[in-house]
Amino acid sequence: MTILPRETERATVLHMAGSMGARDLDRLHRHLAGLLTLRKTRIVLDFSDVDHVDYQDAGELAKEFEFVHSYRGELMVAGLSPYVRNILLLAGLHGFLEMSTYGANTYMGPASTQDLRAS
């Protein structure tokens, strides 16, 4: 899985691509911790290019929501395919994460010129 962070007018978007498993969630946590350290507290996880999330690991996203919230931050998941959305719902995340099938750019504003490299 790749994670490409970029800034928009209203939030930091982490564009993710590929399949997500336990190792990817660890990398995601490090990205989130780095953003929170920089006081970037409005974060969107753009899942528009995520083709699969391991059901057994999907519940770990709830912990990431709680982590961001503990810093008074907001975490949203956008660009979900119906397949990935159903995995997250079946894993019980509907009560933790704000999820949208719309793409991150729809409501987050245009990207700045400070796009960052993929990790």
N, C-alpha and C. Protein backbone atom coordinates (compact mmCIF):
# COMPACT_ATOMS: atom_id res chain seq x y z
N MET A 1 0.83 -1.17 0.00
CA MET A 1 0.00 0.00 0.00
C MET A 1 0.88 1.24 0.00
N THR A 2 0.47 2.24 -0.76
CA THR A 2 1.16 3.52 -0.74
C THR A 2 0.29 4.55 -0.01
N ILE A 3 0.95 5.49 0.62
CA ILE A 3 0.27 6.59 1.30
C ILE A 3 0.91 7.88 0.81
N LEU A 4 0.11 8.73 0.19
CA LEU A 4 0.60 9.99 -0.36
C LEU A 4 -0.10 11.14 0.35
N PRO A 5 0.61 11.84 1.25
CA PRO A 5 -0.02 12.97 1.94
C PRO A 5 0.01 14.23 1.09
N ARG A 6 -1.03 15.04 1.19
CA ARG A 6 -1.05 16.34 0.53
C ARG A 6 -1.96 17.27 1.32
N GLU A 7 -1.69 18.54 1.16
CA GLU A 7 -2.46 19.57 1.86
C GLU A 7 -3.52 20.15 0.93
N THR A 8 -4.70 20.42 1.46
CA THR A 8 -5.73 21.17 0.75
C THR A 8 -6.02 22.40 1.59
N GLU A 9 -6.95 23.22 1.13
CA GLU A 9 -7.31 24.42 1.88
C GLU A 9 -7.84 24.09 3.27
N ARG A 10 -8.54 22.98 3.40
CA ARG A 10 -9.24 22.69 4.64
C ARG A 10 -8.72 21.51 5.44
N ALA A 11 -7.83 20.69 4.86
CA ALA A 11 -7.43 19.48 5.57
C ALA A 11 -6.15 18.91 4.96
N THR A 12 -5.60 17.94 5.67
CA THR A 12 -4.53 17.12 5.12
C THR A 12 -5.19 15.83 4.63
N VAL A 13 -4.91 15.48 3.40
CA VAL A 13 -5.48 14.28 2.79
C VAL A 13 -4.38 13.24 2.66
N LEU A 14 -4.65 12.05 3.16
CA LEU A 14 -3.75 10.92 2.96
C LEU A 14 -4.38 10.02 1.91
N HIS A 15 -3.86 10.12 0.69
CA HIS A 15 -4.37 9.30 -0.42
C HIS A 15 -3.70 7.94 -0.32
N MET A 16 -4.51 6.91 -0.22
CA MET A 16 -3.98 5.56 -0.06
C MET A 16 -4.37 4.71 -1.26
N ALA A 17 -3.48 3.79 -1.63
CA ALA A 17 -3.73 2.93 -2.78
C ALA A 17 -3.22 1.53 -2.49
N GLY A 18 -3.99 0.55 -2.95
CA GLY A 18 -3.61 -0.85 -2.79
C GLY A 18 -4.48 -1.55 -1.77
N SER A 19 -3.94 -2.62 -1.21
CA SER A 19 -4.64 -3.40 -0.18
C SER A 19 -4.08 -3.03 1.19
N MET A 20 -4.97 -2.97 2.18
CA MET A 20 -4.57 -2.55 3.52
C MET A 20 -4.60 -3.73 4.48
N GLY A 21 -3.46 -3.93 5.15
CA GLY A 21 -3.33 -4.96 6.17
C GLY A 21 -2.70 -4.39 7.42
N ALA A 22 -2.28 -5.24 8.33
CA ALA A 22 -1.74 -4.82 9.62
C ALA A 22 -0.52 -3.91 9.48
N ARG A 23 0.42 -4.26 8.62
CA ARG A 23 1.63 -3.43 8.45
C ARG A 23 1.28 -2.04 7.94
N ASP A 24 0.28 -1.97 7.06
CA ASP A 24 -0.13 -0.69 6.50
C ASP A 24 -0.78 0.18 7.58
N LEU A 25 -1.50 -0.43 8.48
CA LEU A 25 -2.11 0.32 9.57
C LEU A 25 -1.06 0.90 10.50
N ASP A 26 0.03 0.18 10.68
CA ASP A 26 1.13 0.71 11.48
C ASP A 26 1.75 1.93 10.80
N ARG A 27 1.95 1.86 9.49
CA ARG A 27 2.47 3.01 8.74
C ARG A 27 1.49 4.18 8.79
N LEU A 28 0.19 3.88 8.68
CA LEU A 28 -0.82 4.93 8.76
C LEU A 28 -0.74 5.62 10.12
N HIS A 29 -0.58 4.84 11.18
CA HIS A 29 -0.48 5.42 12.52
C HIS A 29 0.71 6.38 12.61
N ARG A 30 1.83 6.00 12.04
CA ARG A 30 3.00 6.89 12.06
C ARG A 30 2.73 8.19 11.29
N HIS A 31 2.03 8.09 10.16
CA HIS A 31 1.66 9.29 9.41
C HIS A 31 0.77 10.18 10.26
N LEU A 32 -0.24 9.59 10.88
CA LEU A 32 -1.17 10.37 11.70
C LEU A 32 -0.45 11.04 12.86
N ALA A 33 0.43 10.29 13.52
CA ALA A 33 1.19 10.86 14.65
C ALA A 33 2.03 12.04 14.18
N GLY A 34 2.66 11.92 13.02
CA GLY A 34 3.46 13.01 12.49
C GLY A 34 2.62 14.25 12.19
N LEU A 35 1.44 14.04 11.62
CA LEU A 35 0.55 15.16 11.33
C LEU A 35 0.09 15.85 12.60
N LEU A 36 -0.27 15.06 13.59
CA LEU A 36 -0.73 15.64 14.85
C LEU A 36 0.38 16.40 15.55
N THR A 37 1.61 15.92 15.44
CA THR A 37 2.75 16.62 16.00
C THR A 37 2.90 18.00 15.35
N LEU A 38 2.57 18.08 14.07
CA LEU A 38 2.63 19.35 13.34
C LEU A 38 1.36 20.18 13.50
N ARG A 39 0.47 19.73 14.38
CA ARG A 39 -0.81 20.40 14.67
C ARG A 39 -1.74 20.42 13.46
N LYS A 40 -1.64 19.42 12.64
CA LYS A 40 -2.56 19.24 11.52
C LYS A 40 -3.64 18.28 12.03
N THR A 41 -4.79 18.82 12.40
CA THR A 41 -5.79 18.02 13.10
C THR A 41 -7.03 17.71 12.28
N ARG A 42 -7.12 18.19 11.07
CA ARG A 42 -8.23 17.84 10.19
C ARG A 42 -7.67 16.95 9.10
N ILE A 43 -7.98 15.66 9.17
CA ILE A 43 -7.35 14.66 8.32
C ILE A 43 -8.41 13.84 7.59
N VAL A 44 -8.19 13.65 6.30
CA VAL A 44 -9.07 12.82 5.48
C VAL A 44 -8.25 11.66 4.94
N LEU A 45 -8.75 10.45 5.14
CA LEU A 45 -8.14 9.26 4.53
C LEU A 45 -8.88 9.01 3.22
N ASP A 46 -8.20 9.22 2.11
CA ASP A 46 -8.80 9.03 0.80
C ASP A 46 -8.58 7.59 0.35
N PHE A 47 -9.66 6.82 0.40
CA PHE A 47 -9.62 5.40 0.06
C PHE A 47 -10.00 5.14 -1.39
N SER A 48 -10.01 6.16 -2.24
CA SER A 48 -10.51 5.98 -3.60
C SER A 48 -9.73 4.94 -4.40
N ASP A 49 -8.47 4.67 -4.03
CA ASP A 49 -7.68 3.66 -4.73
C ASP A 49 -7.34 2.46 -3.84
N VAL A 50 -8.08 2.30 -2.74
CA VAL A 50 -7.90 1.13 -1.87
C VAL A 50 -8.84 0.05 -2.38
N ASP A 51 -8.26 -1.09 -2.76
CA ASP A 51 -9.10 -2.15 -3.34
C ASP A 51 -9.51 -3.22 -2.33
N HIS A 52 -8.84 -3.27 -1.17
CA HIS A 52 -9.20 -4.28 -0.17
C HIS A 52 -8.67 -3.85 1.20
N VAL A 53 -9.45 -4.12 2.23
CA VAL A 53 -9.01 -3.94 3.61
C VAL A 53 -9.22 -5.29 4.29
N ASP A 54 -8.17 -5.80 4.92
CA ASP A 54 -8.27 -7.07 5.63
C ASP A 54 -9.29 -6.91 6.75
N TYR A 55 -10.33 -7.73 6.72
CA TYR A 55 -11.42 -7.64 7.69
C TYR A 55 -10.90 -7.74 9.12
N GLN A 56 -9.95 -8.63 9.36
CA GLN A 56 -9.43 -8.83 10.72
C GLN A 56 -8.68 -7.60 11.23
N ASP A 57 -8.14 -6.80 10.35
CA ASP A 57 -7.39 -5.61 10.74
C ASP A 57 -8.22 -4.33 10.66
N ALA A 58 -9.39 -4.38 10.04
CA ALA A 58 -10.19 -3.18 9.83
C ALA A 58 -10.57 -2.50 11.14
N GLY A 59 -10.79 -3.27 12.18
CA GLY A 59 -11.14 -2.70 13.47
C GLY A 59 -10.07 -1.78 14.04
N GLU A 60 -8.84 -1.95 13.59
CA GLU A 60 -7.75 -1.08 14.06
C GLU A 60 -7.96 0.37 13.63
N LEU A 61 -8.72 0.60 12.57
CA LEU A 61 -9.01 1.97 12.16
C LEU A 61 -9.78 2.72 13.24
N ALA A 62 -10.60 2.01 14.01
CA ALA A 62 -11.31 2.66 15.11
C ALA A 62 -10.33 3.21 16.13
N LYS A 63 -9.25 2.51 16.37
CA LYS A 63 -8.22 3.01 17.29
C LYS A 63 -7.56 4.26 16.75
N GLU A 64 -7.39 4.34 15.44
CA GLU A 64 -6.79 5.53 14.84
C GLU A 64 -7.74 6.73 14.99
N PHE A 65 -9.03 6.48 14.85
CA PHE A 65 -10.00 7.55 15.06
C PHE A 65 -9.89 8.07 16.50
N GLU A 66 -9.83 7.16 17.46
CA GLU A 66 -9.72 7.56 18.86
C GLU A 66 -8.41 8.30 19.12
N PHE A 67 -7.34 7.86 18.47
CA PHE A 67 -6.03 8.50 18.61
C PHE A 67 -6.10 9.95 18.12
N VAL A 68 -6.64 10.16 16.92
CA VAL A 68 -6.74 11.51 16.37
C VAL A 68 -7.67 12.36 17.24
N HIS A 69 -8.77 11.78 17.68
CA HIS A 69 -9.73 12.49 18.51
C HIS A 69 -9.09 12.91 19.84
N SER A 70 -8.17 12.12 20.37
CA SER A 70 -7.51 12.46 21.64
C SER A 70 -6.67 13.73 21.51
N TYR A 71 -6.32 14.11 20.29
CA TYR A 71 -5.61 15.36 20.02
C TYR A 71 -6.58 16.45 19.55
N ARG A 72 -7.85 16.23 19.79
CA ARG A 72 -8.92 17.14 19.37
C ARG A 72 -8.95 17.30 17.85
N GLY A 73 -8.63 16.22 17.18
CA GLY A 73 -8.62 16.24 15.73
C GLY A 73 -9.85 15.60 15.14
N GLU A 74 -9.98 15.74 13.82
CA GLU A 74 -11.06 15.13 13.06
C GLU A 74 -10.46 14.16 12.05
N LEU A 75 -11.05 12.99 11.94
CA LEU A 75 -10.60 11.99 10.97
C LEU A 75 -11.80 11.53 10.17
N MET A 76 -11.70 11.60 8.85
CA MET A 76 -12.77 11.17 7.96
C MET A 76 -12.19 10.21 6.93
N VAL A 77 -13.01 9.27 6.51
CA VAL A 77 -12.63 8.35 5.43
C VAL A 77 -13.51 8.69 4.23
N ALA A 78 -12.88 8.94 3.08
CA ALA A 78 -13.61 9.33 1.87
C ALA A 78 -13.23 8.43 0.71
N GLY A 79 -14.05 8.46 -0.33
CA GLY A 79 -13.74 7.75 -1.56
C GLY A 79 -13.86 6.24 -1.46
N LEU A 80 -14.73 5.77 -0.58
CA LEU A 80 -14.87 4.33 -0.38
C LEU A 80 -15.60 3.66 -1.53
N SER A 81 -15.07 2.55 -2.00
CA SER A 81 -15.83 1.73 -2.93
C SER A 81 -16.90 1.01 -2.10
N PRO A 82 -17.98 0.57 -2.73
CA PRO A 82 -18.99 -0.18 -1.97
C PRO A 82 -18.41 -1.41 -1.28
N TYR A 83 -17.47 -2.08 -1.92
CA TYR A 83 -16.84 -3.27 -1.35
C TYR A 83 -16.08 -2.94 -0.06
N VAL A 84 -15.20 -1.93 -0.12
CA VAL A 84 -14.41 -1.56 1.05
C VAL A 84 -15.32 -0.98 2.14
N ARG A 85 -16.30 -0.19 1.74
CA ARG A 85 -17.25 0.37 2.71
C ARG A 85 -17.94 -0.75 3.48
N ASN A 86 -18.37 -1.80 2.78
CA ASN A 86 -19.04 -2.92 3.46
C ASN A 86 -18.10 -3.63 4.43
N ILE A 87 -16.84 -3.78 4.06
CA ILE A 87 -15.88 -4.39 4.98
C ILE A 87 -15.78 -3.57 6.26
N LEU A 88 -15.66 -2.25 6.12
CA LEU A 88 -15.55 -1.38 7.29
C LEU A 88 -16.82 -1.41 8.13
N LEU A 89 -17.96 -1.43 7.47
CA LEU A 89 -19.23 -1.50 8.21
C LEU A 89 -19.36 -2.83 8.95
N LEU A 90 -19.02 -3.93 8.29
CA LEU A 90 -19.09 -5.24 8.94
C LEU A 90 -18.10 -5.36 10.10
N ALA A 91 -17.01 -4.62 10.02
CA ALA A 91 -16.02 -4.63 11.10
C ALA A 91 -16.46 -3.74 12.26
N GLY A 92 -17.61 -3.06 12.11
CA GLY A 92 -18.16 -2.26 13.20
C GLY A 92 -17.68 -0.83 13.25
N LEU A 93 -17.16 -0.30 12.15
CA LEU A 93 -16.62 1.06 12.17
C LEU A 93 -17.64 2.15 11.93
N HIS A 94 -18.88 1.79 11.62
CA HIS A 94 -19.88 2.82 11.32
C HIS A 94 -20.08 3.78 12.49
N GLY A 95 -19.85 3.35 13.71
CA GLY A 95 -20.01 4.22 14.86
C GLY A 95 -18.78 5.03 15.21
N PHE A 96 -17.65 4.72 14.57
CA PHE A 96 -16.40 5.39 14.90
C PHE A 96 -15.97 6.42 13.86
N LEU A 97 -16.04 6.04 12.61
CA LEU A 97 -15.50 6.89 11.56
C LEU A 97 -16.61 7.53 10.75
N GLU A 98 -16.39 8.78 10.38
CA GLU A 98 -17.27 9.42 9.42
C GLU A 98 -16.81 8.93 8.05
N MET A 99 -17.71 8.24 7.34
CA MET A 99 -17.33 7.63 6.07
C MET A 99 -18.15 8.23 4.94
N SER A 100 -17.53 8.37 3.78
CA SER A 100 -18.19 8.93 2.62
C SER A 100 -17.74 8.18 1.37
N THR A 101 -18.65 8.01 0.44
CA THR A 101 -18.27 7.42 -0.84
C THR A 101 -17.81 8.51 -1.80
N TYR A 102 -17.96 9.79 -1.43
CA TYR A 102 -17.45 10.88 -2.25
C TYR A 102 -15.94 10.95 -2.13
N GLY A 103 -15.29 11.45 -3.16
CA GLY A 103 -13.85 11.62 -3.13
C GLY A 103 -13.45 12.77 -2.21
N ALA A 104 -12.24 12.72 -1.72
CA ALA A 104 -11.75 13.72 -0.77
C ALA A 104 -11.78 15.12 -1.36
N ASN A 105 -11.53 15.27 -2.65
CA ASN A 105 -11.48 16.60 -3.27
C ASN A 105 -12.85 17.26 -3.35
N THR A 106 -13.91 16.48 -3.27
CA THR A 106 -15.25 17.02 -3.40
C THR A 106 -15.54 18.09 -2.35
N TYR A 107 -15.06 17.91 -1.17
CA TYR A 107 -15.40 18.84 -0.09
C TYR A 107 -14.18 19.34 0.69
N MET A 108 -13.01 18.99 0.28
CA MET A 108 -11.82 19.41 1.01
C MET A 108 -11.10 20.58 0.34
N GLY A 109 -11.53 21.00 -0.82
CA GLY A 109 -10.89 22.13 -1.48
C GLY A 109 -9.74 21.69 -2.35
N PRO A 110 -9.21 22.60 -3.17
CA PRO A 110 -8.11 22.25 -4.08
C PRO A 110 -6.82 22.00 -3.34
N ALA A 111 -5.97 21.24 -3.96
CA ALA A 111 -4.66 20.93 -3.36
C ALA A 111 -3.77 22.15 -3.41
N SER A 112 -2.89 22.24 -2.43
CA SER A 112 -1.88 23.31 -2.46
C SER A 112 -0.71 22.83 -3.31
N THR A 113 0.30 23.65 -3.41
CA THR A 113 1.47 23.25 -4.17
C THR A 113 2.44 22.46 -3.33
N GLN A 114 2.05 22.10 -2.10
CA GLN A 114 2.93 21.41 -1.18
C GLN A 114 2.64 19.92 -1.10
N ASP A 115 2.30 19.28 -2.20
CA ASP A 115 2.09 17.84 -2.19
C ASP A 115 3.37 17.15 -1.74
N LEU A 116 3.23 16.09 -0.98
CA LEU A 116 4.38 15.40 -0.43
C LEU A 116 4.60 14.09 -1.15
N ARG A 117 5.76 13.49 -0.96
CA ARG A 117 6.10 12.23 -1.63
C ARG A 117 5.35 11.05 -1.03
N ALA A 118 5.17 10.01 -1.83
CA ALA A 118 4.56 8.77 -1.35
C ALA A 118 5.51 8.08 -0.40
N SER A 119 4.93 7.36 0.53
CA SER A 119 5.78 6.62 1.48
C SER A 119 5.65 5.14 1.25
